[in-house]
Amino acid sequence: MAKNDKGVIGNEIDQVGNVLTKTEMYIEDNRKLLMIIIGVIVLIVGGYLGYKKLYIAPMEDEAHQEMYMAEQYFAKDSFNLALNGDAQYPGFLSIIDQYGSTKAGNLSNYYAGICYLNIRQYEKALEYLNNFSNDDNLLYPVSQGAMGDANMELGKTEEALSYYKKAADEKPNEFTSPIYMMKAGFALEKLNKWEEALAIYERLEKEYNRTSEGRKIEKYITRAKIKLNKQ
């Protein structure tokens, strides 16, 4: 029995040895190709890291410095100056053109979208807000809610409702979610979907009762119930 066990083990060792020999032969036969592949990988990785460190990082710093005055104009509600800049400082549109690949350039899309929303150029607002990519817990819902506002102003209530729901639910928090739940409720009222509006209002009351919206939601719940009773 012991001999049989040793024979099996010996066969397994021989098989492993054969596999290793074949692998070694493959490596030997393809040494040049493998070295080229490894070299290309090293060049790609090294080039990417160098690109980020030597090109993107300095550009990022420069972009943030350039957008400082545009942010100041934005804070003062000087939206045209924030967008277009003045004789000395660039606006968000220029920063997007020059530094679009940077985080500052991406953030400028958000600022530009909000600026256009405030000056009632709603299609432009949607264009730039759609170009803004972010998963921040506050900026993301605000950008989605702003697209809801732009669609609502354009008379696209269904589209607005979709954005309001995203703004309320995808990054839930007590600062923005109640605001966009209310707006979603108003959009549903406009669509004459009172049952859905009531459901949102009651959920708001349950989940965010300590917020400003939660404290005044009872009248909207009552209004929705009255509308439903009349139908």
Protein backbone atom coordinates (compact mmCIF):
# COMPACT_ATOMS: atom_id res chain seq x y z
CA MET A 1 0.00 0.00 0.00
CA ALA A 2 2.86 2.29 0.88
CA LYS A 3 4.54 1.50 -2.43
CA ASN A 4 1.38 2.42 -4.30
CA ASP A 5 1.17 5.73 -2.41
CA LYS A 6 4.77 6.51 -3.25
CA GLY A 7 4.11 5.63 -6.85
CA VAL A 8 1.19 8.04 -7.05
CA ILE A 9 3.19 10.81 -5.36
CA GLY A 10 6.10 10.14 -7.67
CA ASN A 11 3.88 10.39 -10.73
CA GLU A 12 2.43 13.68 -9.49
CA ILE A 13 5.93 15.06 -8.94
CA ASP A 14 6.93 13.99 -12.44
CA GLN A 15 3.83 15.71 -13.90
CA VAL A 16 4.61 18.96 -12.04
CA GLY A 17 8.18 18.72 -13.26
CA ASN A 18 7.00 18.32 -16.84
CA VAL A 19 4.73 21.37 -16.53
CA LEU A 20 7.58 23.46 -15.12
CA THR A 21 9.86 22.30 -17.92
CA LYS A 22 7.29 23.29 -20.57
CA THR A 23 6.84 26.70 -18.88
CA GLU A 24 10.59 27.25 -18.79
CA MET A 25 10.84 26.28 -22.45
CA TYR A 26 8.04 28.70 -23.37
CA ILE A 27 9.73 31.53 -21.47
CA GLU A 28 13.06 30.74 -23.11
CA ASP A 29 11.54 30.57 -26.61
CA ASN A 30 9.60 33.80 -26.13
CA ARG A 31 12.05 35.73 -23.98
CA LYS A 32 12.37 38.66 -26.38
CA LEU A 33 8.59 39.01 -26.82
CA LEU A 34 7.99 38.86 -23.08
CA MET A 35 10.69 41.46 -22.43
CA ILE A 36 9.10 43.76 -25.03
CA ILE A 37 5.66 43.34 -23.41
CA ILE A 38 7.07 44.05 -19.94
CA GLY A 39 8.93 47.07 -21.29
CA VAL A 40 5.80 48.46 -22.91
CA ILE A 41 3.83 48.03 -19.65
CA VAL A 42 6.58 49.81 -17.69
CA LEU A 43 6.62 52.66 -20.23
CA ILE A 44 2.83 53.04 -20.13
CA VAL A 45 2.66 53.06 -16.32
CA GLY A 46 5.68 55.35 -16.02
CA GLY A 47 4.35 57.68 -18.69
CA TYR A 48 0.95 57.90 -17.02
CA LEU A 49 2.45 58.67 -13.61
CA GLY A 50 4.79 61.22 -15.17
CA TYR A 51 1.91 62.82 -17.08
CA LYS A 52 -0.10 63.20 -13.86
CA LYS A 53 2.82 64.54 -11.83
CA LEU A 54 4.54 66.77 -14.36
CA TYR A 55 1.59 67.97 -16.44
CA ILE A 56 -1.80 67.49 -14.76
CA ALA A 57 -0.77 68.48 -11.21
CA PRO A 58 0.72 71.89 -12.20
CA MET A 59 -2.24 72.51 -14.52
CA GLU A 60 -4.62 71.71 -11.66
CA ASP A 61 -2.95 74.28 -9.42
CA GLU A 62 -3.00 76.88 -12.17
CA ALA A 63 -6.68 76.23 -12.93
CA HIS A 64 -7.68 76.66 -9.27
CA GLN A 65 -5.82 79.96 -9.12
CA GLU A 66 -7.45 81.15 -12.33
CA MET A 67 -10.98 80.38 -11.16
CA TYR A 68 -10.66 82.28 -7.86
CA MET A 69 -12.13 85.53 -9.16
CA ALA A 70 -14.90 83.72 -11.06
CA GLU A 71 -15.91 82.10 -7.76
CA GLN A 72 -15.95 85.52 -6.11
CA TYR A 73 -18.26 86.87 -8.81
CA PHE A 74 -20.46 83.78 -8.41
CA ALA A 75 -20.72 84.34 -4.65
CA LYS A 76 -21.88 87.91 -5.35
CA ASP A 77 -24.53 86.70 -7.87
CA SER A 78 -22.65 88.44 -10.69
CA PHE A 79 -23.38 85.52 -12.98
CA ASN A 80 -22.41 87.06 -16.31
CA LEU A 81 -19.02 88.09 -14.94
CA ALA A 82 -18.61 84.67 -13.35
CA LEU A 83 -19.25 83.06 -16.73
CA ASN A 84 -17.27 85.36 -18.99
CA GLY A 85 -14.74 87.00 -16.69
CA ASP A 86 -13.54 90.56 -16.97
CA ALA A 87 -10.62 92.33 -18.63
CA GLN A 88 -8.19 90.86 -16.08
CA TYR A 89 -9.59 87.54 -14.91
CA PRO A 90 -11.10 84.59 -16.82
CA GLY A 91 -14.60 83.28 -16.23
CA PHE A 92 -15.78 79.71 -15.89
CA LEU A 93 -16.28 79.27 -19.65
CA SER A 94 -12.66 80.12 -20.35
CA ILE A 95 -11.48 77.81 -17.58
CA ILE A 96 -13.52 74.95 -19.06
CA ASP A 97 -11.91 75.56 -22.46
CA GLN A 98 -8.36 75.75 -21.12
CA TYR A 99 -8.46 73.30 -18.21
CA GLY A 100 -11.29 70.95 -19.10
CA SER A 101 -9.31 67.83 -18.13
CA THR A 102 -8.72 69.05 -14.55
CA LYS A 103 -10.92 68.84 -11.47
CA ALA A 104 -11.20 72.63 -11.55
CA GLY A 105 -12.40 72.46 -15.15
CA ASN A 106 -14.98 69.87 -14.18
CA LEU A 107 -16.17 71.98 -11.24
CA SER A 108 -16.43 74.96 -13.57
CA ASN A 109 -19.08 73.02 -15.51
CA TYR A 110 -21.17 72.96 -12.35
CA TYR A 111 -20.68 76.68 -11.72
CA ALA A 112 -21.46 77.51 -15.35
CA GLY A 113 -24.65 75.44 -15.22
CA ILE A 114 -25.86 77.23 -12.09
CA CYS A 115 -24.98 80.61 -13.62
CA TYR A 116 -27.01 79.85 -16.75
CA LEU A 117 -29.90 78.65 -14.59
CA ASN A 118 -29.91 81.97 -12.76
CA ILE A 119 -29.86 84.03 -15.95
CA ARG A 120 -32.69 81.89 -17.36
CA GLN A 121 -30.76 80.18 -20.15
CA TYR A 122 -32.09 76.76 -19.25
CA GLU A 123 -30.83 74.74 -22.22
CA LYS A 124 -27.32 76.03 -21.56
CA ALA A 125 -27.73 75.20 -17.89
CA LEU A 126 -28.57 71.60 -18.77
CA GLU A 127 -25.65 71.37 -21.19
CA TYR A 128 -23.05 72.34 -18.60
CA LEU A 129 -24.63 70.50 -15.68
CA ASN A 130 -24.67 67.33 -17.78
CA ASN A 131 -20.93 67.76 -18.32
CA PHE A 132 -20.33 67.95 -14.57
CA SER A 133 -19.18 64.65 -13.08
CA ASN A 134 -19.24 64.30 -9.31
CA ASP A 135 -20.36 61.98 -6.52
CA ASP A 136 -20.02 64.41 -3.62
CA ASN A 137 -22.77 64.00 -1.04
CA LEU A 138 -23.93 67.62 -1.46
CA LEU A 139 -22.81 68.78 -4.89
CA TYR A 140 -24.26 65.75 -6.66
CA PRO A 141 -27.84 66.21 -5.39
CA VAL A 142 -27.67 69.98 -5.95
CA SER A 143 -26.55 69.46 -9.56
CA GLN A 144 -29.34 66.93 -10.14
CA GLY A 145 -31.86 69.25 -8.52
CA ALA A 146 -30.66 72.14 -10.67
CA MET A 147 -31.28 70.04 -13.78
CA GLY A 148 -34.74 69.39 -12.38
CA ASP A 149 -35.30 73.14 -12.03
CA ALA A 150 -34.11 73.79 -15.60
CA ASN A 151 -36.43 71.13 -17.00
CA MET A 152 -39.33 72.47 -14.95
CA GLU A 153 -38.76 75.96 -16.38
CA LEU A 154 -38.75 74.44 -19.87
CA GLY A 155 -42.12 72.83 -19.19
CA LYS A 156 -40.66 69.31 -19.05
CA THR A 157 -42.30 68.25 -15.81
CA GLU A 158 -41.72 64.49 -16.17
CA GLU A 159 -38.00 65.04 -16.77
CA ALA A 160 -37.86 67.47 -13.85
CA LEU A 161 -39.52 64.91 -11.59
CA SER A 162 -36.91 62.30 -12.53
CA TYR A 163 -34.07 64.64 -11.54
CA TYR A 164 -35.77 65.69 -8.31
CA LYS A 165 -36.12 62.04 -7.31
CA LYS A 166 -32.42 61.44 -8.00
CA ALA A 167 -31.51 64.53 -6.01
CA ALA A 168 -33.60 63.38 -3.07
CA ASP A 169 -32.75 59.70 -2.98
CA GLU A 170 -29.32 58.93 -4.45
CA LYS A 171 -27.32 60.81 -1.80
CA PRO A 172 -29.83 61.13 1.06
CA ASN A 173 -29.10 63.75 3.71
CA GLU A 174 -31.04 66.21 5.86
CA PHE A 175 -29.81 69.27 3.97
CA THR A 176 -30.85 68.56 0.38
CA SER A 177 -33.18 65.54 0.40
CA PRO A 178 -36.19 67.33 2.00
CA ILE A 179 -35.86 70.22 -0.46
CA TYR A 180 -35.97 67.96 -3.51
CA MET A 181 -38.66 65.72 -2.05
CA MET A 182 -40.83 68.83 -1.80
CA LYS A 183 -40.02 69.77 -5.39
CA ALA A 184 -40.79 66.23 -6.52
CA GLY A 185 -44.13 66.51 -4.71
CA PHE A 186 -44.95 69.78 -6.46
CA ALA A 187 -44.03 68.23 -9.83
CA LEU A 188 -46.36 65.30 -9.09
CA GLU A 189 -49.14 67.75 -8.18
CA LYS A 190 -48.65 69.48 -11.50
CA LEU A 191 -48.93 66.10 -13.23
CA ASN A 192 -52.12 65.46 -11.22
CA LYS A 193 -50.52 62.44 -9.54
CA TRP A 194 -51.85 63.20 -6.09
CA GLU A 195 -51.45 59.72 -4.67
CA GLU A 196 -47.71 59.71 -5.43
CA ALA A 197 -47.38 63.26 -4.13
CA LEU A 198 -49.06 62.23 -0.87
CA ALA A 199 -46.68 59.27 -0.53
CA ILE A 200 -43.65 61.56 -0.87
CA TYR A 201 -45.04 64.10 1.59
CA GLU A 202 -45.78 61.41 4.17
CA ARG A 203 -42.32 59.93 3.71
CA LEU A 204 -40.80 63.38 4.18
CA GLU A 205 -42.78 63.82 7.39
CA LYS A 206 -41.55 60.46 8.67
CA GLU A 207 -37.88 60.70 7.66
CA TYR A 208 -37.14 64.43 7.92
CA ASN A 209 -39.65 65.74 10.44
CA ARG A 210 -37.02 67.92 12.18
CA THR A 211 -36.14 69.87 9.04
CA SER A 212 -37.78 73.11 7.91
CA GLU A 213 -39.65 71.22 5.18
CA GLY A 214 -40.71 68.52 7.63
CA ARG A 215 -42.19 71.04 10.04
CA LYS A 216 -44.48 72.54 7.41
CA ILE A 217 -45.34 69.41 5.44
CA GLU A 218 -48.67 68.77 7.18
CA LYS A 219 -50.55 71.32 5.06
CA TYR A 220 -49.33 69.65 1.86
CA ILE A 221 -50.37 66.25 3.17
CA THR A 222 -53.82 67.66 3.93
CA ARG A 223 -54.07 69.26 0.50
CA ALA A 224 -53.17 66.00 -1.23
CA LYS A 225 -55.72 64.06 0.83
CA ILE A 226 -58.47 66.57 -0.02
CA LYS A 227 -57.64 66.29 -3.74
CA LEU A 228 -57.75 62.49 -3.55
CA ASN A 229 -61.11 62.51 -1.74
CA LYS A 230 -62.60 64.66 -4.50
CA GLN A 231 -61.52 62.28 -7.26
